[in-house]
Amino acid sequence: QVQLVESGGGLVQPGGSLTLSCAASGFTLDYYAIGWFRQAPGKEREGVSCFSRGDGPSYYADSVKGRFTFSRDNAKNTVYLQMNGLKPEDTAVYYCATELATLCTGSFYYGGRGYDYWGQGTQVTVSS
């Protein structure tokens, strides 16, 4: 059974950092593209970052480039999203997801429509 579980969210002051984790079970994360998405209150879900398998293409939303970094720990079957320089506009519920494809697809730019498997989400709040 495919399952994704996010953790690491919380309350942080502007300019602070958080690292989100996404632990997978039922499949091997390293074989597939994984996306991070977020949804703020009253807004549509948007793609934050997507990394393909191996040397495939990767993407960051313009709003997070230079501040957020995706990484994988294959031994733990876990991916991470390191978030630095957090801003109040980064406040949202963050999700990891996969469509069990090896490459990131255009679905990333449509809020992950077509992604089949989602975690439960973790709340990130950036506020002073």
Foldseek 3Di string as FASTA:
>chain_A
DWAKAKDWADEAAAQAKIKMKIAIPPDQLLQAKKWKWWDDPPDAIATAKIDAHDPADIDGDPVQPPFWDWDDDRVRSMIMIIGGRDDQVVWTWMKMFGLRHRHDDPCNGVNNVNTDYIHPTDTHGYHD
